[in-house]
Structures are given as structure tokens and as C-alpha cells.
Amino acid sequence: MATGAETGLQTHVALVTGAASGIGRATALRFLGAGYDVAALDRNELGLQSLAKEAGDKGRLLVLPADLVDEDATAAALDRAVAWHGRLDVVVNVAGLSLPEDFSKTTREEWTTLLQVNLRGVYFICQRLADALSESGEGAIVNISSILARVADPTLVAYGATKGGVSSLTRALAIRLAPRVRVNAVCPGDVSTPGLETWIAGHPDPEGVRKEMESSYPLGRICMPDDVAQAVLFLAGPGARMITGQELLVDGGLTVKVY
């Protein structure tokens, strides 16, 4: 997609949360490459600065440092995103949090934090930006959920519950915001993000852990951030104009297996 400056048409604008690293960063770069101007929101300001440098920022990237736990700061950042071009066409909710879990020992504070970032944050962003997306006439929301909204991992009980909420929210909003805004979710399997790579590296045999993980996938590897970003770009674009309320699994075939 060419930029507005190249075509004389109005620029399309996407907001991507969690844009400093991993899936969010890959998504921001994909949208920039497709001609969107991108508002990049993350609590990691250094990561956002690194993204701007990698993108070769030419006024097409708006950096928005904000922590989703701070709703006032988040609201101000969202308002800046809309005011930037006076429109908003796409929202991609990537920002999320996973904590080491022991179901019997998960504290109220840990549970509350997971809910606040993974579910309340998505709800709040969709709620605040729904009118701007509706005014676009071709608005789209893509939420990053997880295969754990569909299948269970007993070591990630709280995380899976929040992602189940994201998928349910996606379906409800698809009805509530139709016909002017489409709402879909992408459900990745394991993704090679900094967080996952740190977790793998913390094992006595990192390569053994990686090989065991990859052997579970029919396609023979875990996802890369850009695998997810490409799915997001498709769901946000005109090729998906009759798709809403759906979950697209990007999991290398993991969840189709019986054993």
C-alpha cells in the first residue's frame, strides 16, 4: 500500500501497542512497510527509540511511551494517536504480560496485574478508540490472543484465562462495533520473543529445550514475530473485509494434533 503522500490520498494510520519488541515491533515494521503511518505505544521508551531508528523514521512513526497499568497516561497517548492525523484506521493490541506461575501460589497482585495488562488494557483501548475507528469507515481491530484461549496449559492458568477473555471480547466487539469496525484476533503458539528466548536460555540445556519445543510443531519450528505480524496485516487490510469476530491460529499446526 502506497503512502498518502505518494498517492495524494489520505494517509492510513495504525496504532500498535507493545511495539518496542517482539510481535509488536514486527507488526509496526510490517505496517510501515505496507504504507501505514504507525503510532507505536509501549512502556519501554528505549525500545521505541530503537524501533524509530530501525524504521528510519521520516515522520511516519509516532512514539508513545505509556504503561497500560497507568490508564491516565494511556488515555493521553491514545488521544495523541488520534490527533496525529485526525483519524485512526487500525488498532493492534499486542501488549501483554506473562508471569511465572504456580496456580497454588499465584498472588492477588500477580492476578490483578495480568488482568489489568492482558484484558483490561485491551478493553480500555478498544473502548476509547471505537468512535475514531468508526469514523474511519474502514476501521479494524486486531487483538493478539493465544492458543491458550483454545487449549490449556496447567503451568499458565492465569495467563490462559486472560487470553480467553481477549478472545471472548473480540467476538462481542465484532458484533457491537459492526458494520463500521471489524474485530478479529490472532492466536499464536510459542513465539521467539525476547521473553521466550530468556526463558529458554535459563534452562541447563537451552538447545535441548528448544529442540523439544520445536518437535511438538508439525511445521518443525516455533513462530517468529513476523509470522504473526503478517497475519495481523492481512486481518487489518481490505483482503479481510468480510472477516470479523474470528480467531486466526498461527501455531504451526500445534493445536490440530491429538498427541
C-alpha atoms as a PDB file:
ATOM      1  CA  MET A   1       0.000   0.000   0.000  1.00  0.00           C
ATOM      2  CA  ALA A   2       1.471   3.350  -1.035  1.00  0.00           C
ATOM      3  CA  THR A   3       1.648   6.206   1.406  1.00  0.00           C
ATOM      4  CA  GLY A   4      -0.821   9.055   1.306  1.00  0.00           C
ATOM      5  CA  ALA A   5       1.971  11.374   0.184  1.00  0.00           C
ATOM      6  CA  GLU A   6       2.670   9.123  -2.803  1.00  0.00           C
ATOM      7  CA  THR A   7      -0.935   8.744  -3.910  1.00  0.00           C
ATOM      8  CA  GLY A   8      -2.463  12.043  -2.899  1.00  0.00           C
ATOM      9  CA  LEU A   9      -4.944  10.097  -0.783  1.00  0.00           C
ATOM     10  CA  GLN A  10      -5.404  10.426   2.946  1.00  0.00           C
ATOM     11  CA  THR A  11      -2.832   8.542   4.972  1.00  0.00           C
ATOM     12  CA  HIS A  12      -3.994   5.431   6.794  1.00  0.00           C
ATOM     13  CA  VAL A  13      -2.970   5.249  10.438  1.00  0.00           C
ATOM     14  CA  ALA A  14      -2.420   2.209  12.645  1.00  0.00           C
ATOM     15  CA  LEU A  15      -1.862   2.120  16.393  1.00  0.00           C
ATOM     16  CA  VAL A  16       0.257  -0.788  17.641  1.00  0.00           C
ATOM     17  CA  THR A  17       0.682  -1.463  21.346  1.00  0.00           C
ATOM     18  CA  GLY A  18       3.632  -3.410  22.710  1.00  0.00           C
ATOM     19  CA  ALA A  19       5.588  -2.019  19.772  1.00  0.00           C
ATOM     20  CA  ALA A  20       9.028  -1.910  21.388  1.00  0.00           C
ATOM     21  CA  SER A  21       9.861  -5.583  20.891  1.00  0.00           C
ATOM     22  CA  GLY A  22       8.700  -8.979  19.689  1.00  0.00           C
ATOM     23  CA  ILE A  23       5.367  -9.261  17.897  1.00  0.00           C
ATOM     24  CA  GLY A  24       4.541  -5.579  18.383  1.00  0.00           C
ATOM     25  CA  ARG A  25       7.801  -4.401  16.855  1.00  0.00           C
ATOM     26  CA  ALA A  26       7.454  -6.766  13.886  1.00  0.00           C
ATOM     27  CA  THR A  27       3.860  -5.591  13.408  1.00  0.00           C
ATOM     28  CA  ALA A  28       4.810  -1.911  13.473  1.00  0.00           C
ATOM     29  CA  LEU A  29       7.505  -2.543  10.850  1.00  0.00           C
ATOM     30  CA  ARG A  30       5.102  -4.563   8.678  1.00  0.00           C
ATOM     31  CA  PHE A  31       2.508  -1.779   8.723  1.00  0.00           C
ATOM     32  CA  LEU A  32       5.124   0.853   7.938  1.00  0.00           C
ATOM     33  CA  GLY A  33       6.261  -1.286   5.010  1.00  0.00           C
ATOM     34  CA  ALA A  34       2.668  -1.509   3.795  1.00  0.00           C
ATOM     35  CA  GLY A  35       2.347   2.277   3.728  1.00  0.00           C
ATOM     36  CA  TYR A  36       0.610   2.990   7.014  1.00  0.00           C
ATOM     37  CA  ASP A  37       1.733   5.689   9.378  1.00  0.00           C
ATOM     38  CA  VAL A  38       2.162   4.000  12.747  1.00  0.00           C
ATOM     39  CA  ALA A  39       1.596   5.192  16.306  1.00  0.00           C
ATOM     40  CA  ALA A  40       3.770   2.914  18.448  1.00  0.00           C
ATOM     41  CA  LEU A  41       2.832   2.556  22.123  1.00  0.00           C
ATOM     42  CA  ASP A  42       4.925   0.792  24.745  1.00  0.00           C
ATOM     43  CA  ARG A  43       6.203   1.333  28.276  1.00  0.00           C
ATOM     44  CA  ASN A  44       9.762   0.654  27.036  1.00  0.00           C
ATOM     45  CA  GLU A  45      10.876   4.051  25.757  1.00  0.00           C
ATOM     46  CA  LEU A  46      14.364   2.853  24.773  1.00  0.00           C
ATOM     47  CA  GLY A  47      12.784   0.080  22.720  1.00  0.00           C
ATOM     48  CA  LEU A  48      10.579   2.612  20.960  1.00  0.00           C
ATOM     49  CA  GLN A  49      13.604   4.761  20.170  1.00  0.00           C
ATOM     50  CA  SER A  50      15.323   1.689  18.736  1.00  0.00           C
ATOM     51  CA  LEU A  51      12.236   0.970  16.622  1.00  0.00           C
ATOM     52  CA  ALA A  52      12.269   4.525  15.268  1.00  0.00           C
ATOM     53  CA  LYS A  53      15.924   4.153  14.343  1.00  0.00           C
ATOM     54  CA  GLU A  54      15.321   0.824  12.596  1.00  0.00           C
ATOM     55  CA  ALA A  55      12.309   2.224  10.753  1.00  0.00           C
ATOM     56  CA  GLY A  56      14.315   5.198   9.501  1.00  0.00           C
ATOM     57  CA  ASP A  57      11.611   7.445  10.903  1.00  0.00           C
ATOM     58  CA  LYS A  58      10.593  10.066   8.351  1.00  0.00           C
ATOM     59  CA  GLY A  59       7.639  11.457  10.238  1.00  0.00           C
ATOM     60  CA  ARG A  60       5.673   8.243   9.716  1.00  0.00           C
ATOM     61  CA  LEU A  61       6.197   6.863  13.220  1.00  0.00           C
ATOM     62  CA  LEU A  62       4.737   8.425  16.353  1.00  0.00           C
ATOM     63  CA  VAL A  63       6.403   7.198  19.544  1.00  0.00           C
ATOM     64  CA  LEU A  64       4.020   6.947  22.512  1.00  0.00           C
ATOM     65  CA  PRO A  65       5.673   5.885  25.782  1.00  0.00           C
ATOM     66  CA  ALA A  66       2.955   4.683  28.177  1.00  0.00           C
ATOM     67  CA  ASP A  67       2.287   1.837  30.597  1.00  0.00           C
ATOM     68  CA  LEU A  68      -1.135   0.202  30.233  1.00  0.00           C
ATOM     69  CA  VAL A  69      -1.338  -0.075  34.011  1.00  0.00           C
ATOM     70  CA  ASP A  70      -1.494   3.755  34.107  1.00  0.00           C
ATOM     71  CA  GLU A  71      -4.848   4.482  32.493  1.00  0.00           C
ATOM     72  CA  ASP A  72      -4.431   8.265  32.548  1.00  0.00           C
ATOM     73  CA  ALA A  73      -1.101   8.076  30.705  1.00  0.00           C
ATOM     74  CA  THR A  74      -2.545   5.527  28.310  1.00  0.00           C
ATOM     75  CA  ALA A  75      -5.592   7.700  27.608  1.00  0.00           C
ATOM     76  CA  ALA A  76      -3.365  10.693  26.855  1.00  0.00           C
ATOM     77  CA  ALA A  77      -1.255   8.573  24.492  1.00  0.00           C
ATOM     78  CA  LEU A  78      -4.340   7.262  22.675  1.00  0.00           C
ATOM     79  CA  ASP A  79      -5.683  10.777  22.257  1.00  0.00           C
ATOM     80  CA  ARG A  80      -2.339  11.827  20.746  1.00  0.00           C
ATOM     81  CA  ALA A  81      -2.544   8.941  18.297  1.00  0.00           C
ATOM     82  CA  VAL A  82      -5.968  10.073  17.057  1.00  0.00           C
ATOM     83  CA  ALA A  83      -4.979  13.752  16.919  1.00  0.00           C
ATOM     84  CA  TRP A  84      -1.789  12.984  14.952  1.00  0.00           C
ATOM     85  CA  HIS A  85      -3.596  12.739  11.590  1.00  0.00           C
ATOM     86  CA  GLY A  86      -7.119  13.374  12.803  1.00  0.00           C
ATOM     87  CA  ARG A  87      -8.049   9.772  12.050  1.00  0.00           C
ATOM     88  CA  LEU A  88      -7.345   6.193  13.051  1.00  0.00           C
ATOM     89  CA  ASP A  89      -7.909   3.166  10.861  1.00  0.00           C
ATOM     90  CA  VAL A  90      -6.388   0.189  12.646  1.00  0.00           C
ATOM     91  CA  VAL A  91      -5.691  -0.769  16.259  1.00  0.00           C
ATOM     92  CA  VAL A  92      -3.464  -3.747  17.026  1.00  0.00           C
ATOM     93  CA  ASN A  93      -3.470  -4.781  20.681  1.00  0.00           C
ATOM     94  CA  VAL A  94      -0.216  -6.661  21.173  1.00  0.00           C
ATOM     95  CA  ALA A  95       0.932  -5.530  24.618  1.00  0.00           C
ATOM     96  CA  GLY A  96       0.695  -8.373  27.078  1.00  0.00           C
ATOM     97  CA  LEU A  97       2.340  -9.900  30.094  1.00  0.00           C
ATOM     98  CA  SER A  98       3.197 -13.423  31.164  1.00  0.00           C
ATOM     99  CA  LEU A  99       4.433 -14.191  34.671  1.00  0.00           C
ATOM    100  CA  PRO A 100       5.997 -17.368  36.103  1.00  0.00           C
ATOM    101  CA  GLU A 101       3.041 -19.243  37.534  1.00  0.00           C
ATOM    102  CA  ASP A 102       2.278 -21.741  40.239  1.00  0.00           C
ATOM    103  CA  PHE A 103      -1.501 -21.901  40.427  1.00  0.00           C
ATOM    104  CA  SER A 104      -1.497 -22.650  44.145  1.00  0.00           C
ATOM    105  CA  LYS A 105       0.803 -19.694  44.883  1.00  0.00           C
ATOM    106  CA  THR A 106      -0.335 -17.007  42.434  1.00  0.00           C
ATOM    107  CA  THR A 107      -0.911 -13.851  44.452  1.00  0.00           C
ATOM    108  CA  ARG A 108      -3.787 -11.418  44.166  1.00  0.00           C
ATOM    109  CA  GLU A 109      -1.310  -8.782  42.952  1.00  0.00           C
ATOM    110  CA  GLU A 110       0.013 -11.058  40.179  1.00  0.00           C
ATOM    111  CA  TRP A 111      -3.508 -11.982  39.057  1.00  0.00           C
ATOM    112  CA  THR A 112      -4.591  -8.342  39.096  1.00  0.00           C
ATOM    113  CA  THR A 113      -1.561  -7.265  37.057  1.00  0.00           C
ATOM    114  CA  LEU A 114      -2.175  -9.928  34.419  1.00  0.00           C
ATOM    115  CA  LEU A 115      -5.837  -8.922  34.171  1.00  0.00           C
ATOM    116  CA  GLN A 116      -5.011  -5.234  34.009  1.00  0.00           C
ATOM    117  CA  VAL A 117      -2.487  -5.550  31.187  1.00  0.00           C
ATOM    118  CA  ASN A 118      -3.770  -8.508  29.172  1.00  0.00           C
ATOM    119  CA  LEU A 119      -7.519  -7.918  29.347  1.00  0.00           C
ATOM    120  CA  ARG A 120      -8.459  -4.597  30.921  1.00  0.00           C
ATOM    121  CA  GLY A 121      -5.850  -2.830  28.776  1.00  0.00           C
ATOM    122  CA  VAL A 122      -7.334  -4.265  25.573  1.00  0.00           C
ATOM    123  CA  TYR A 123     -10.870  -3.424  26.693  1.00  0.00           C
ATOM    124  CA  PHE A 124      -9.933   0.144  27.618  1.00  0.00           C
ATOM    125  CA  ILE A 125      -8.104   0.802  24.336  1.00  0.00           C
ATOM    126  CA  CYS A 126     -10.965  -0.574  22.225  1.00  0.00           C
ATOM    127  CA  GLN A 127     -13.494   1.415  24.235  1.00  0.00           C
ATOM    128  CA  ARG A 128     -11.616   4.703  23.936  1.00  0.00           C
ATOM    129  CA  LEU A 129     -10.820   4.339  20.234  1.00  0.00           C
ATOM    130  CA  ALA A 130     -14.071   2.826  18.959  1.00  0.00           C
ATOM    131  CA  ASP A 131     -15.513   6.157  17.814  1.00  0.00           C
ATOM    132  CA  ALA A 132     -12.359   7.163  15.925  1.00  0.00           C
ATOM    133  CA  LEU A 133     -12.242   3.771  14.202  1.00  0.00           C
ATOM    134  CA  SER A 134     -15.921   4.025  13.302  1.00  0.00           C
ATOM    135  CA  GLU A 135     -15.365   7.438  11.739  1.00  0.00           C
ATOM    136  CA  SER A 136     -12.674   5.934   9.521  1.00  0.00           C
ATOM    137  CA  GLY A 137     -15.337   3.973   7.700  1.00  0.00           C
ATOM    138  CA  GLU A 138     -12.989   1.016   7.350  1.00  0.00           C
ATOM    139  CA  GLY A 139     -11.806   0.548  10.907  1.00  0.00           C
ATOM    140  CA  ALA A 140     -10.236  -2.676  12.101  1.00  0.00           C
ATOM    141  CA  ILE A 141      -9.107  -4.015  15.447  1.00  0.00           C
ATOM    142  CA  VAL A 142      -6.777  -6.997  15.701  1.00  0.00           C
ATOM    143  CA  ASN A 143      -6.187  -8.402  19.168  1.00  0.00           C
ATOM    144  CA  ILE A 144      -3.303 -10.715  19.969  1.00  0.00           C
ATOM    145  CA  SER A 145      -4.805 -13.578  21.920  1.00  0.00           C
ATOM    146  CA  SER A 146      -3.161 -17.007  22.250  1.00  0.00           C
ATOM    147  CA  ILE A 147      -3.713 -20.665  21.503  1.00  0.00           C
ATOM    148  CA  LEU A 148      -4.233 -20.845  25.287  1.00  0.00           C
ATOM    149  CA  ALA A 149      -7.619 -19.259  24.679  1.00  0.00           C
ATOM    150  CA  ARG A 150      -8.456 -22.551  22.951  1.00  0.00           C
ATOM    151  CA  VAL A 151      -6.348 -25.201  24.701  1.00  0.00           C
ATOM    152  CA  ALA A 152      -4.973 -25.482  28.227  1.00  0.00           C
ATOM    153  CA  ASP A 153      -1.522 -25.269  29.797  1.00  0.00           C
ATOM    154  CA  PRO A 154      -1.622 -26.074  33.531  1.00  0.00           C
ATOM    155  CA  THR A 155       1.558 -24.048  34.056  1.00  0.00           C
ATOM    156  CA  LEU A 156      -0.078 -20.871  32.693  1.00  0.00           C
ATOM    157  CA  VAL A 157      -3.534 -20.911  34.260  1.00  0.00           C
ATOM    158  CA  ALA A 158      -3.909 -17.177  34.899  1.00  0.00           C
ATOM    159  CA  TYR A 159      -2.333 -16.162  31.596  1.00  0.00           C
ATOM    160  CA  GLY A 160      -4.602 -18.535  29.671  1.00  0.00           C
ATOM    161  CA  ALA A 161      -7.653 -17.163  31.466  1.00  0.00           C
ATOM    162  CA  THR A 162      -6.806 -13.597  30.432  1.00  0.00           C
ATOM    163  CA  LYS A 163      -6.314 -14.665  26.820  1.00  0.00           C
ATOM    164  CA  GLY A 164      -9.636 -16.489  26.878  1.00  0.00           C
ATOM    165  CA  GLY A 165     -11.101 -13.161  27.899  1.00  0.00           C
ATOM    166  CA  VAL A 166      -9.411 -11.427  24.962  1.00  0.00           C
ATOM    167  CA  SER A 167     -10.943 -13.906  22.513  1.00  0.00           C
ATOM    168  CA  SER A 168     -14.389 -13.532  24.061  1.00  0.00           C
ATOM    169  CA  LEU A 169     -14.048  -9.739  23.963  1.00  0.00           C
ATOM    170  CA  THR A 170     -13.078  -9.969  20.298  1.00  0.00           C
ATOM    171  CA  ARG A 171     -16.261 -11.824  19.399  1.00  0.00           C
ATOM    172  CA  ALA A 172     -18.510  -9.496  21.393  1.00  0.00           C
ATOM    173  CA  LEU A 173     -16.942  -6.348  19.933  1.00  0.00           C
ATOM    174  CA  ALA A 174     -17.226  -7.746  16.413  1.00  0.00           C
ATOM    175  CA  ILE A 175     -20.993  -7.611  16.878  1.00  0.00           C
ATOM    176  CA  ARG A 176     -21.093  -4.412  18.930  1.00  0.00           C
ATOM    177  CA  LEU A 177     -18.964  -2.361  16.510  1.00  0.00           C
ATOM    178  CA  ALA A 178     -20.295  -3.743  13.222  1.00  0.00           C
ATOM    179  CA  PRO A 179     -20.697  -2.725  10.485  1.00  0.00           C
ATOM    180  CA  ARG A 180     -18.136   0.092  10.583  1.00  0.00           C
ATOM    181  CA  VAL A 181     -15.389  -1.671  12.534  1.00  0.00           C
ATOM    182  CA  ARG A 182     -14.168  -5.238  12.089  1.00  0.00           C
ATOM    183  CA  VAL A 183     -12.674  -7.022  15.105  1.00  0.00           C
ATOM    184  CA  ASN A 184     -10.556 -10.179  14.897  1.00  0.00           C
ATOM    185  CA  ALA A 185      -7.874 -11.954  16.905  1.00  0.00           C
ATOM    186  CA  VAL A 186      -4.647 -13.748  16.119  1.00  0.00           C
ATOM    187  CA  CYS A 187      -3.821 -16.692  18.373  1.00  0.00           C
ATOM    188  CA  PRO A 188      -0.119 -17.558  18.204  1.00  0.00           C
ATOM    189  CA  GLY A 189       1.628 -20.567  19.615  1.00  0.00           C
ATOM    190  CA  ASP A 190       5.126 -20.166  21.048  1.00  0.00           C
ATOM    191  CA  VAL A 191       6.802 -17.123  19.515  1.00  0.00           C
ATOM    192  CA  SER A 192      10.520 -16.327  19.524  1.00  0.00           C
ATOM    193  CA  THR A 193      10.220 -13.119  21.526  1.00  0.00           C
ATOM    194  CA  PRO A 194      12.834 -11.746  23.943  1.00  0.00           C
ATOM    195  CA  GLY A 195      10.782 -13.116  26.829  1.00  0.00           C
ATOM    196  CA  LEU A 196      10.662 -16.656  25.449  1.00  0.00           C
ATOM    197  CA  GLU A 197      14.331 -16.607  24.482  1.00  0.00           C
ATOM    198  CA  THR A 198      15.243 -15.522  28.020  1.00  0.00           C
ATOM    199  CA  TRP A 199      13.146 -18.364  29.430  1.00  0.00           C
ATOM    200  CA  ILE A 200      14.852 -20.911  27.163  1.00  0.00           C
ATOM    201  CA  ALA A 201      18.296 -19.563  27.996  1.00  0.00           C
ATOM    202  CA  GLY A 202      17.603 -20.014  31.711  1.00  0.00           C
ATOM    203  CA  HIS A 203      17.491 -23.824  31.388  1.00  0.00           C
ATOM    204  CA  PRO A 204      20.566 -26.021  31.935  1.00  0.00           C
ATOM    205  CA  ASP A 205      20.205 -27.346  28.370  1.00  0.00           C
ATOM    206  CA  PRO A 206      18.739 -24.492  26.273  1.00  0.00           C
ATOM    207  CA  GLU A 207      19.217 -26.242  22.942  1.00  0.00           C
ATOM    208  CA  GLY A 208      17.572 -29.391  24.253  1.00  0.00           C
ATOM    209  CA  VAL A 209      14.590 -27.354  25.427  1.00  0.00           C
ATOM    210  CA  ARG A 210      14.369 -25.606  22.052  1.00  0.00           C
ATOM    211  CA  LYS A 211      14.509 -28.883  20.108  1.00  0.00           C
ATOM    212  CA  GLU A 212      11.870 -30.469  22.318  1.00  0.00           C
ATOM    213  CA  MET A 213       9.615 -27.453  21.853  1.00  0.00           C
ATOM    214  CA  GLU A 214      10.098 -27.368  18.095  1.00  0.00           C
ATOM    215  CA  SER A 215       9.451 -31.109  17.795  1.00  0.00           C
ATOM    216  CA  SER A 216       5.887 -30.506  19.009  1.00  0.00           C
ATOM    217  CA  TYR A 217       5.109 -28.406  15.934  1.00  0.00           C
ATOM    218  CA  PRO A 218       4.122 -30.177  12.690  1.00  0.00           C
ATOM    219  CA  LEU A 219       5.913 -27.416  10.746  1.00  0.00           C
ATOM    220  CA  GLY A 220       9.069 -28.103  12.714  1.00  0.00           C
ATOM    221  CA  ARG A 221       9.658 -24.739  14.344  1.00  0.00           C
ATOM    222  CA  ILE A 222       8.118 -22.149  16.639  1.00  0.00           C
ATOM    223  CA  CYS A 223       6.725 -18.881  15.309  1.00  0.00           C
ATOM    224  CA  MET A 224       8.817 -15.846  14.546  1.00  0.00           C
ATOM    225  CA  PRO A 225       7.331 -12.434  15.381  1.00  0.00           C
ATOM    226  CA  ASP A 226       6.944 -11.608  11.699  1.00  0.00           C
ATOM    227  CA  ASP A 227       4.823 -14.733  11.142  1.00  0.00           C
ATOM    228  CA  VAL A 228       2.269 -13.192  13.484  1.00  0.00           C
ATOM    229  CA  ALA A 229       2.730  -9.677  12.068  1.00  0.00           C
ATOM    230  CA  GLN A 230       1.853 -10.849   8.560  1.00  0.00           C
ATOM    231  CA  ALA A 231      -1.358 -12.447   9.817  1.00  0.00           C
ATOM    232  CA  VAL A 232      -2.254  -9.207  11.606  1.00  0.00           C
ATOM    233  CA  LEU A 233      -1.641  -7.147   8.479  1.00  0.00           C
ATOM    234  CA  PHE A 234      -3.933  -9.440   6.477  1.00  0.00           C
ATOM    235  CA  LEU A 235      -6.783  -9.202   9.016  1.00  0.00           C
ATOM    236  CA  ALA A 236      -6.460  -5.419   9.142  1.00  0.00           C
ATOM    237  CA  GLY A 237      -6.498  -4.979   5.383  1.00  0.00           C
ATOM    238  CA  PRO A 238      -9.042  -4.998   2.548  1.00  0.00           C
ATOM    239  CA  GLY A 239      -8.447  -8.666   1.781  1.00  0.00           C
ATOM    240  CA  ALA A 240     -10.238  -9.472   5.044  1.00  0.00           C
ATOM    241  CA  ARG A 241     -13.156  -7.071   4.559  1.00  0.00           C
ATOM    242  CA  MET A 242     -15.717  -9.869   5.104  1.00  0.00           C
ATOM    243  CA  ILE A 243     -13.943 -11.346   8.129  1.00  0.00           C
ATOM    244  CA  THR A 244     -14.946 -10.292  11.633  1.00  0.00           C
ATOM    245  CA  GLY A 245     -15.255 -11.979  15.012  1.00  0.00           C
ATOM    246  CA  GLN A 246     -12.746 -14.650  14.070  1.00  0.00           C
ATOM    247  CA  GLU A 247      -9.595 -16.134  15.595  1.00  0.00           C
ATOM    248  CA  LEU A 248      -6.725 -16.909  13.238  1.00  0.00           C
ATOM    249  CA  LEU A 249      -4.413 -19.526  14.750  1.00  0.00           C
ATOM    250  CA  VAL A 250      -0.753 -19.001  13.841  1.00  0.00           C
ATOM    251  CA  ASP A 251       0.703 -22.040  15.561  1.00  0.00           C
ATOM    252  CA  GLY A 252       2.479 -24.191  13.008  1.00  0.00           C
ATOM    253  CA  GLY A 253      -0.240 -26.821  13.307  1.00  0.00           C
ATOM    254  CA  LEU A 254       0.296 -27.414  17.030  1.00  0.00           C
ATOM    255  CA  THR A 255      -3.351 -27.387  18.042  1.00  0.00           C
ATOM    256  CA  VAL A 256      -4.584 -29.729  15.297  1.00  0.00           C
ATOM    257  CA  LYS A 257      -2.675 -32.651  16.816  1.00  0.00           C
ATOM    258  CA  VAL A 258      -4.259 -35.278  19.033  1.00  0.00           C
ATOM    259  CA  TYR A 259      -0.924 -36.328  20.545  1.00  0.00           C
END
